[in-house]
Amino acid sequence: MKVTIDSSVLRETKWYSYVVRFIFGGLVTVLAGAIAKSYGPVVGGLFLAFPAIFPASATLAESHERQKKEEHGVKGEERGKEAAGADAAGAAMGGIGLVAFGAIVWWLASEIPPWLTLLCATVVWFGVSVLLWWIRKKA
């Protein structure tokens, strides 16, 4: 499966898909806040790192791709699984980038101003994520 950016999909997405993502992401954030209040910010932060939108996104991607194939009279189960798998691979690459982001913040937080720490960490997150995507694309 070739990974591309296609903004036309935004027009094809049903409104309730966005609602599902919003609600699921909000619930995970509220849960992380409750855990942080009960057990402290370190434990709460671990739960806040949970990919709040990924489960809804993977499910919706699978459903959307399956539906597109079935509209053309073809069984779309395999295509749906591939789309969900590509979504999962992207989430994993972004997650590794997020680990790099956290490491940079931890390393620089007491050394330089907060805005510069976040800027450096964001650049590293983006660079690591894109590098992993490029390596996967070349493989």
N, C-alpha and C. Protein backbone atom coordinates (compact mmCIF):
# COMPACT_ATOMS: atom_id res chain seq x y z
N MET A 1 0.84 -1.17 0.00
CA MET A 1 0.00 0.00 0.00
C MET A 1 0.89 1.23 0.00
N LYS A 2 0.65 2.13 -0.94
CA LYS A 2 1.41 3.37 -1.03
C LYS A 2 0.73 4.43 -0.16
N VAL A 3 1.50 5.06 0.70
CA VAL A 3 0.97 6.09 1.58
C VAL A 3 1.09 7.43 0.89
N THR A 4 -0.03 8.14 0.76
CA THR A 4 -0.04 9.45 0.13
C THR A 4 -0.92 10.40 0.96
N ILE A 5 -0.84 11.66 0.65
CA ILE A 5 -1.71 12.66 1.26
C ILE A 5 -2.77 13.01 0.24
N ASP A 6 -4.03 12.87 0.63
CA ASP A 6 -5.15 13.15 -0.26
C ASP A 6 -6.19 13.96 0.50
N SER A 7 -6.19 15.28 0.29
CA SER A 7 -7.10 16.14 1.03
C SER A 7 -8.55 15.99 0.59
N SER A 8 -8.81 15.37 -0.55
CA SER A 8 -10.19 15.19 -1.00
C SER A 8 -10.97 14.26 -0.08
N VAL A 9 -10.26 13.45 0.69
CA VAL A 9 -10.90 12.53 1.63
C VAL A 9 -11.65 13.32 2.71
N LEU A 10 -11.18 14.53 3.02
CA LEU A 10 -11.85 15.33 4.04
C LEU A 10 -13.30 15.61 3.66
N ARG A 11 -13.57 15.77 2.37
CA ARG A 11 -14.95 16.01 1.92
C ARG A 11 -15.78 14.73 1.97
N GLU A 12 -15.13 13.58 1.86
CA GLU A 12 -15.84 12.30 1.85
C GLU A 12 -16.15 11.79 3.26
N THR A 13 -15.45 12.30 4.25
CA THR A 13 -15.63 11.82 5.62
C THR A 13 -16.95 12.31 6.18
N LYS A 14 -17.68 11.41 6.79
CA LYS A 14 -18.98 11.73 7.38
C LYS A 14 -18.77 12.53 8.67
N TRP A 15 -19.72 13.39 8.99
CA TRP A 15 -19.62 14.25 10.17
C TRP A 15 -19.49 13.43 11.45
N TYR A 16 -20.16 12.29 11.50
CA TYR A 16 -20.13 11.50 12.74
C TYR A 16 -18.77 10.87 12.99
N SER A 17 -17.96 10.73 11.94
CA SER A 17 -16.59 10.23 12.13
C SER A 17 -15.78 11.20 12.98
N TYR A 18 -15.96 12.48 12.71
CA TYR A 18 -15.27 13.49 13.50
C TYR A 18 -15.79 13.51 14.94
N VAL A 19 -17.10 13.34 15.10
CA VAL A 19 -17.69 13.33 16.43
C VAL A 19 -17.13 12.16 17.25
N VAL A 20 -17.04 10.97 16.64
CA VAL A 20 -16.50 9.80 17.34
C VAL A 20 -15.07 10.07 17.80
N ARG A 21 -14.26 10.62 16.93
CA ARG A 21 -12.86 10.92 17.29
C ARG A 21 -12.79 11.94 18.40
N PHE A 22 -13.62 12.98 18.30
CA PHE A 22 -13.63 14.03 19.31
C PHE A 22 -14.04 13.48 20.67
N ILE A 23 -15.10 12.71 20.70
CA ILE A 23 -15.59 12.16 21.97
C ILE A 23 -14.58 11.19 22.57
N PHE A 24 -14.06 10.28 21.76
CA PHE A 24 -13.09 9.32 22.27
C PHE A 24 -11.84 10.01 22.79
N GLY A 25 -11.33 10.97 22.03
CA GLY A 25 -10.15 11.72 22.47
C GLY A 25 -10.41 12.48 23.76
N GLY A 26 -11.59 13.09 23.85
CA GLY A 26 -11.95 13.82 25.07
C GLY A 26 -12.06 12.90 26.28
N LEU A 27 -12.67 11.74 26.08
CA LEU A 27 -12.81 10.79 27.19
C LEU A 27 -11.46 10.30 27.70
N VAL A 28 -10.56 10.02 26.78
CA VAL A 28 -9.22 9.58 27.19
C VAL A 28 -8.51 10.69 27.95
N THR A 29 -8.66 11.93 27.50
CA THR A 29 -8.02 13.06 28.17
C THR A 29 -8.60 13.26 29.57
N VAL A 30 -9.92 13.16 29.70
CA VAL A 30 -10.56 13.29 31.02
C VAL A 30 -10.09 12.17 31.95
N LEU A 31 -10.01 10.95 31.42
CA LEU A 31 -9.54 9.82 32.22
C LEU A 31 -8.10 10.06 32.69
N ALA A 32 -7.24 10.55 31.79
CA ALA A 32 -5.85 10.83 32.18
C ALA A 32 -5.81 11.92 33.25
N GLY A 33 -6.67 12.93 33.14
CA GLY A 33 -6.74 13.98 34.16
C GLY A 33 -7.17 13.44 35.51
N ALA A 34 -8.16 12.54 35.50
CA ALA A 34 -8.62 11.93 36.76
C ALA A 34 -7.52 11.08 37.38
N ILE A 35 -6.80 10.35 36.55
CA ILE A 35 -5.69 9.53 37.05
C ILE A 35 -4.59 10.42 37.62
N ALA A 36 -4.30 11.53 36.93
CA ALA A 36 -3.27 12.46 37.42
C ALA A 36 -3.68 13.08 38.75
N LYS A 37 -4.96 13.38 38.90
CA LYS A 37 -5.44 13.96 40.16
C LYS A 37 -5.31 12.96 41.31
N SER A 38 -5.56 11.70 41.02
CA SER A 38 -5.50 10.66 42.05
C SER A 38 -4.09 10.17 42.35
N TYR A 39 -3.28 10.02 41.30
CA TYR A 39 -1.97 9.38 41.47
C TYR A 39 -0.77 10.28 41.16
N GLY A 40 -1.02 11.52 40.78
CA GLY A 40 0.06 12.45 40.50
C GLY A 40 0.31 12.63 39.01
N PRO A 41 1.03 13.70 38.68
CA PRO A 41 1.22 14.05 37.27
C PRO A 41 2.09 13.06 36.49
N VAL A 42 3.01 12.38 37.14
CA VAL A 42 3.88 11.42 36.42
C VAL A 42 3.04 10.27 35.88
N VAL A 43 2.21 9.69 36.73
CA VAL A 43 1.35 8.58 36.31
C VAL A 43 0.30 9.08 35.32
N GLY A 44 -0.29 10.24 35.59
CA GLY A 44 -1.28 10.81 34.67
C GLY A 44 -0.69 11.09 33.30
N GLY A 45 0.56 11.55 33.28
CA GLY A 45 1.23 11.82 32.00
C GLY A 45 1.40 10.58 31.16
N LEU A 46 1.64 9.45 31.81
CA LEU A 46 1.76 8.19 31.07
C LEU A 46 0.45 7.87 30.36
N PHE A 47 -0.66 8.11 31.03
CA PHE A 47 -1.95 7.83 30.42
C PHE A 47 -2.32 8.88 29.38
N LEU A 48 -1.84 10.11 29.56
CA LEU A 48 -2.11 11.16 28.58
C LEU A 48 -1.39 10.86 27.27
N ALA A 49 -0.31 10.11 27.34
CA ALA A 49 0.44 9.74 26.14
C ALA A 49 -0.30 8.68 25.32
N PHE A 50 -1.38 8.10 25.86
CA PHE A 50 -2.16 7.12 25.12
C PHE A 50 -2.66 7.76 23.83
N PRO A 51 -2.52 7.09 22.72
CA PRO A 51 -2.96 7.68 21.45
C PRO A 51 -4.49 7.76 21.40
N ALA A 52 -5.02 8.87 21.87
CA ALA A 52 -6.46 9.02 22.07
C ALA A 52 -7.29 8.85 20.80
N ILE A 53 -6.77 9.27 19.70
CA ILE A 53 -7.57 9.24 18.48
C ILE A 53 -7.33 7.97 17.67
N PHE A 54 -6.20 7.29 17.88
CA PHE A 54 -5.85 6.15 17.04
C PHE A 54 -6.91 5.06 16.97
N PRO A 55 -7.45 4.55 18.08
CA PRO A 55 -8.43 3.46 17.95
C PRO A 55 -9.64 3.84 17.09
N ALA A 56 -10.15 5.05 17.30
CA ALA A 56 -11.28 5.49 16.48
C ALA A 56 -10.85 5.68 15.03
N SER A 57 -9.67 6.23 14.82
CA SER A 57 -9.17 6.48 13.47
C SER A 57 -8.96 5.18 12.70
N ALA A 58 -8.35 4.19 13.33
CA ALA A 58 -8.10 2.90 12.66
C ALA A 58 -9.41 2.21 12.30
N THR A 59 -10.35 2.25 13.22
CA THR A 59 -11.65 1.62 12.97
C THR A 59 -12.36 2.31 11.82
N LEU A 60 -12.34 3.65 11.82
CA LEU A 60 -13.01 4.40 10.76
C LEU A 60 -12.31 4.21 9.42
N ALA A 61 -10.98 4.14 9.41
CA ALA A 61 -10.24 3.92 8.16
C ALA A 61 -10.59 2.57 7.57
N GLU A 62 -10.64 1.55 8.42
CA GLU A 62 -10.98 0.21 7.95
C GLU A 62 -12.38 0.19 7.37
N SER A 63 -13.31 0.79 8.07
CA SER A 63 -14.71 0.82 7.63
C SER A 63 -14.86 1.60 6.32
N HIS A 64 -14.20 2.74 6.22
CA HIS A 64 -14.28 3.58 5.02
C HIS A 64 -13.74 2.86 3.79
N GLU A 65 -12.57 2.24 3.93
CA GLU A 65 -11.96 1.54 2.79
C GLU A 65 -12.80 0.33 2.37
N ARG A 66 -13.31 -0.41 3.34
CA ARG A 66 -14.16 -1.57 3.04
C ARG A 66 -15.41 -1.12 2.29
N GLN A 67 -16.01 -0.03 2.76
CA GLN A 67 -17.22 0.49 2.13
C GLN A 67 -16.95 0.93 0.69
N LYS A 68 -15.82 1.60 0.45
CA LYS A 68 -15.48 2.06 -0.90
C LYS A 68 -15.37 0.88 -1.87
N LYS A 69 -14.72 -0.19 -1.43
CA LYS A 69 -14.57 -1.37 -2.29
C LYS A 69 -15.92 -2.03 -2.55
N GLU A 70 -16.74 -2.14 -1.51
CA GLU A 70 -18.03 -2.82 -1.66
C GLU A 70 -18.97 -2.04 -2.56
N GLU A 71 -18.82 -0.71 -2.64
CA GLU A 71 -19.62 0.09 -3.56
C GLU A 71 -19.33 -0.27 -5.01
N HIS A 72 -18.15 -0.80 -5.26
CA HIS A 72 -17.75 -1.22 -6.61
C HIS A 72 -17.93 -2.72 -6.81
N GLY A 73 -18.64 -3.35 -5.89
CA GLY A 73 -18.95 -4.77 -6.04
C GLY A 73 -17.82 -5.72 -5.68
N VAL A 74 -16.84 -5.25 -4.93
CA VAL A 74 -15.69 -6.07 -4.56
C VAL A 74 -15.67 -6.19 -3.03
N LYS A 75 -15.30 -7.38 -2.54
CA LYS A 75 -15.15 -7.54 -1.09
C LYS A 75 -14.01 -6.64 -0.63
N GLY A 76 -14.27 -5.82 0.35
CA GLY A 76 -13.29 -4.84 0.77
C GLY A 76 -12.60 -5.14 2.08
N GLU A 77 -12.77 -6.34 2.60
CA GLU A 77 -12.20 -6.66 3.91
C GLU A 77 -10.67 -6.53 3.92
N GLU A 78 -10.02 -7.06 2.90
CA GLU A 78 -8.55 -7.04 2.85
C GLU A 78 -8.04 -5.60 2.75
N ARG A 79 -8.69 -4.81 1.89
CA ARG A 79 -8.29 -3.40 1.73
C ARG A 79 -8.49 -2.63 3.04
N GLY A 80 -9.58 -2.94 3.74
CA GLY A 80 -9.83 -2.29 5.02
C GLY A 80 -8.75 -2.62 6.04
N LYS A 81 -8.34 -3.88 6.07
CA LYS A 81 -7.27 -4.29 6.99
C LYS A 81 -5.95 -3.59 6.64
N GLU A 82 -5.68 -3.48 5.34
CA GLU A 82 -4.45 -2.80 4.91
C GLU A 82 -4.46 -1.34 5.33
N ALA A 83 -5.61 -0.68 5.17
CA ALA A 83 -5.71 0.73 5.55
C ALA A 83 -5.52 0.90 7.06
N ALA A 84 -6.14 0.03 7.85
CA ALA A 84 -5.97 0.10 9.30
C ALA A 84 -4.52 -0.19 9.68
N GLY A 85 -3.88 -1.12 8.97
CA GLY A 85 -2.48 -1.44 9.22
C GLY A 85 -1.56 -0.27 8.90
N ALA A 86 -1.84 0.42 7.79
CA ALA A 86 -1.04 1.59 7.44
C ALA A 86 -1.23 2.69 8.48
N ASP A 87 -2.45 2.84 8.97
CA ASP A 87 -2.73 3.82 10.03
C ASP A 87 -1.94 3.46 11.29
N ALA A 88 -1.90 2.18 11.63
CA ALA A 88 -1.17 1.72 12.81
C ALA A 88 0.34 1.95 12.64
N ALA A 89 0.85 1.69 11.45
CA ALA A 89 2.28 1.91 11.21
C ALA A 89 2.63 3.39 11.37
N GLY A 90 1.78 4.26 10.84
CA GLY A 90 2.00 5.69 10.99
C GLY A 90 1.95 6.12 12.45
N ALA A 91 1.01 5.56 13.20
CA ALA A 91 0.90 5.88 14.63
C ALA A 91 2.15 5.41 15.38
N ALA A 92 2.68 4.25 15.01
CA ALA A 92 3.89 3.74 15.65
C ALA A 92 5.08 4.65 15.36
N MET A 93 5.21 5.10 14.12
CA MET A 93 6.30 6.00 13.77
C MET A 93 6.18 7.32 14.52
N GLY A 94 4.95 7.84 14.60
CA GLY A 94 4.73 9.06 15.36
C GLY A 94 5.00 8.85 16.84
N GLY A 95 4.68 7.65 17.35
CA GLY A 95 4.94 7.33 18.75
C GLY A 95 6.43 7.31 19.06
N ILE A 96 7.21 6.77 18.15
CA ILE A 96 8.67 6.78 18.34
C ILE A 96 9.17 8.22 18.32
N GLY A 97 8.61 9.02 17.42
CA GLY A 97 8.94 10.45 17.40
C GLY A 97 8.58 11.13 18.71
N LEU A 98 7.45 10.70 19.30
CA LEU A 98 7.01 11.27 20.57
C LEU A 98 7.97 10.90 21.70
N VAL A 99 8.52 9.70 21.66
CA VAL A 99 9.53 9.31 22.65
C VAL A 99 10.76 10.22 22.52
N ALA A 100 11.15 10.50 21.28
CA ALA A 100 12.28 11.41 21.06
C ALA A 100 11.95 12.81 21.58
N PHE A 101 10.70 13.25 21.36
CA PHE A 101 10.25 14.55 21.88
C PHE A 101 10.41 14.60 23.39
N GLY A 102 9.90 13.57 24.07
CA GLY A 102 9.99 13.50 25.53
C GLY A 102 11.42 13.49 26.03
N ALA A 103 12.29 12.77 25.32
CA ALA A 103 13.69 12.70 25.72
C ALA A 103 14.36 14.06 25.61
N ILE A 104 14.05 14.78 24.55
CA ILE A 104 14.64 16.12 24.36
C ILE A 104 14.13 17.08 25.43
N VAL A 105 12.83 17.03 25.74
CA VAL A 105 12.29 17.90 26.80
C VAL A 105 12.96 17.57 28.13
N TRP A 106 13.07 16.29 28.44
CA TRP A 106 13.69 15.88 29.71
C TRP A 106 15.14 16.36 29.79
N TRP A 107 15.84 16.27 28.67
CA TRP A 107 17.26 16.62 28.63
C TRP A 107 17.48 18.14 28.70
N LEU A 108 16.63 18.91 28.01
CA LEU A 108 16.86 20.35 27.89
C LEU A 108 16.05 21.22 28.84
N ALA A 109 15.04 20.68 29.49
CA ALA A 109 14.09 21.50 30.27
C ALA A 109 14.76 22.42 31.29
N SER A 110 15.78 21.95 31.94
CA SER A 110 16.43 22.79 32.95
C SER A 110 17.63 23.57 32.40
N GLU A 111 17.90 23.39 31.12
CA GLU A 111 19.08 24.03 30.53
C GLU A 111 18.78 25.30 29.74
N ILE A 112 17.63 25.33 29.06
CA ILE A 112 17.30 26.46 28.17
C ILE A 112 15.85 26.89 28.43
N PRO A 113 15.44 28.04 27.91
CA PRO A 113 14.07 28.52 28.14
C PRO A 113 13.02 27.52 27.63
N PRO A 114 11.86 27.48 28.29
CA PRO A 114 10.82 26.51 27.91
C PRO A 114 10.40 26.58 26.44
N TRP A 115 10.26 27.77 25.89
CA TRP A 115 9.83 27.88 24.50
C TRP A 115 10.85 27.28 23.55
N LEU A 116 12.13 27.44 23.87
CA LEU A 116 13.19 26.88 23.04
C LEU A 116 13.26 25.36 23.20
N THR A 117 13.03 24.89 24.42
CA THR A 117 12.98 23.44 24.68
C THR A 117 11.90 22.80 23.83
N LEU A 118 10.70 23.39 23.85
CA LEU A 118 9.58 22.83 23.07
C LEU A 118 9.84 22.93 21.57
N LEU A 119 10.46 24.01 21.13
CA LEU A 119 10.79 24.14 19.71
C LEU A 119 11.77 23.05 19.29
N CYS A 120 12.83 22.85 20.06
CA CYS A 120 13.82 21.81 19.75
C CYS A 120 13.17 20.42 19.75
N ALA A 121 12.35 20.15 20.77
CA ALA A 121 11.70 18.85 20.87
C ALA A 121 10.75 18.61 19.69
N THR A 122 10.05 19.65 19.27
CA THR A 122 9.12 19.52 18.14
C THR A 122 9.88 19.23 16.85
N VAL A 123 10.98 19.92 16.65
CA VAL A 123 11.80 19.68 15.45
C VAL A 123 12.32 18.25 15.46
N VAL A 124 12.78 17.76 16.61
CA VAL A 124 13.27 16.39 16.71
C VAL A 124 12.15 15.39 16.46
N TRP A 125 10.96 15.63 17.06
CA TRP A 125 9.81 14.74 16.84
C TRP A 125 9.50 14.65 15.35
N PHE A 126 9.40 15.80 14.71
CA PHE A 126 9.08 15.82 13.28
C PHE A 126 10.16 15.11 12.48
N GLY A 127 11.41 15.41 12.77
CA GLY A 127 12.52 14.80 12.04
C GLY A 127 12.56 13.28 12.19
N VAL A 128 12.40 12.79 13.42
CA VAL A 128 12.42 11.34 13.67
C VAL A 128 11.25 10.67 12.95
N SER A 129 10.06 11.26 13.06
CA SER A 129 8.87 10.68 12.43
C SER A 129 9.01 10.62 10.91
N VAL A 130 9.47 11.70 10.31
CA VAL A 130 9.64 11.73 8.85
C VAL A 130 10.75 10.77 8.43
N LEU A 131 11.82 10.71 9.18
CA LEU A 131 12.91 9.77 8.86
C LEU A 131 12.41 8.33 8.89
N LEU A 132 11.64 7.97 9.91
CA LEU A 132 11.10 6.62 9.98
C LEU A 132 10.15 6.33 8.82
N TRP A 133 9.32 7.32 8.47
CA TRP A 133 8.41 7.15 7.32
C TRP A 133 9.23 6.94 6.05
N TRP A 134 10.29 7.72 5.86
CA TRP A 134 11.12 7.63 4.66
C TRP A 134 11.81 6.25 4.60
N ILE A 135 12.32 5.79 5.75
CA ILE A 135 12.97 4.47 5.80
C ILE A 135 11.96 3.38 5.43
N ARG A 136 10.75 3.47 5.97
CA ARG A 136 9.72 2.47 5.65
C ARG A 136 9.34 2.52 4.18
N LYS A 137 9.29 3.71 3.64
CA LYS A 137 8.93 3.87 2.22
C LYS A 137 10.01 3.25 1.32
N LYS A 138 11.27 3.38 1.71
CA LYS A 138 12.37 2.84 0.91
C LYS A 138 12.51 1.33 1.05
N ALA A 139 12.00 0.78 2.15
CA ALA A 139 12.14 -0.66 2.40
C ALA A 139 11.25 -1.50 1.51
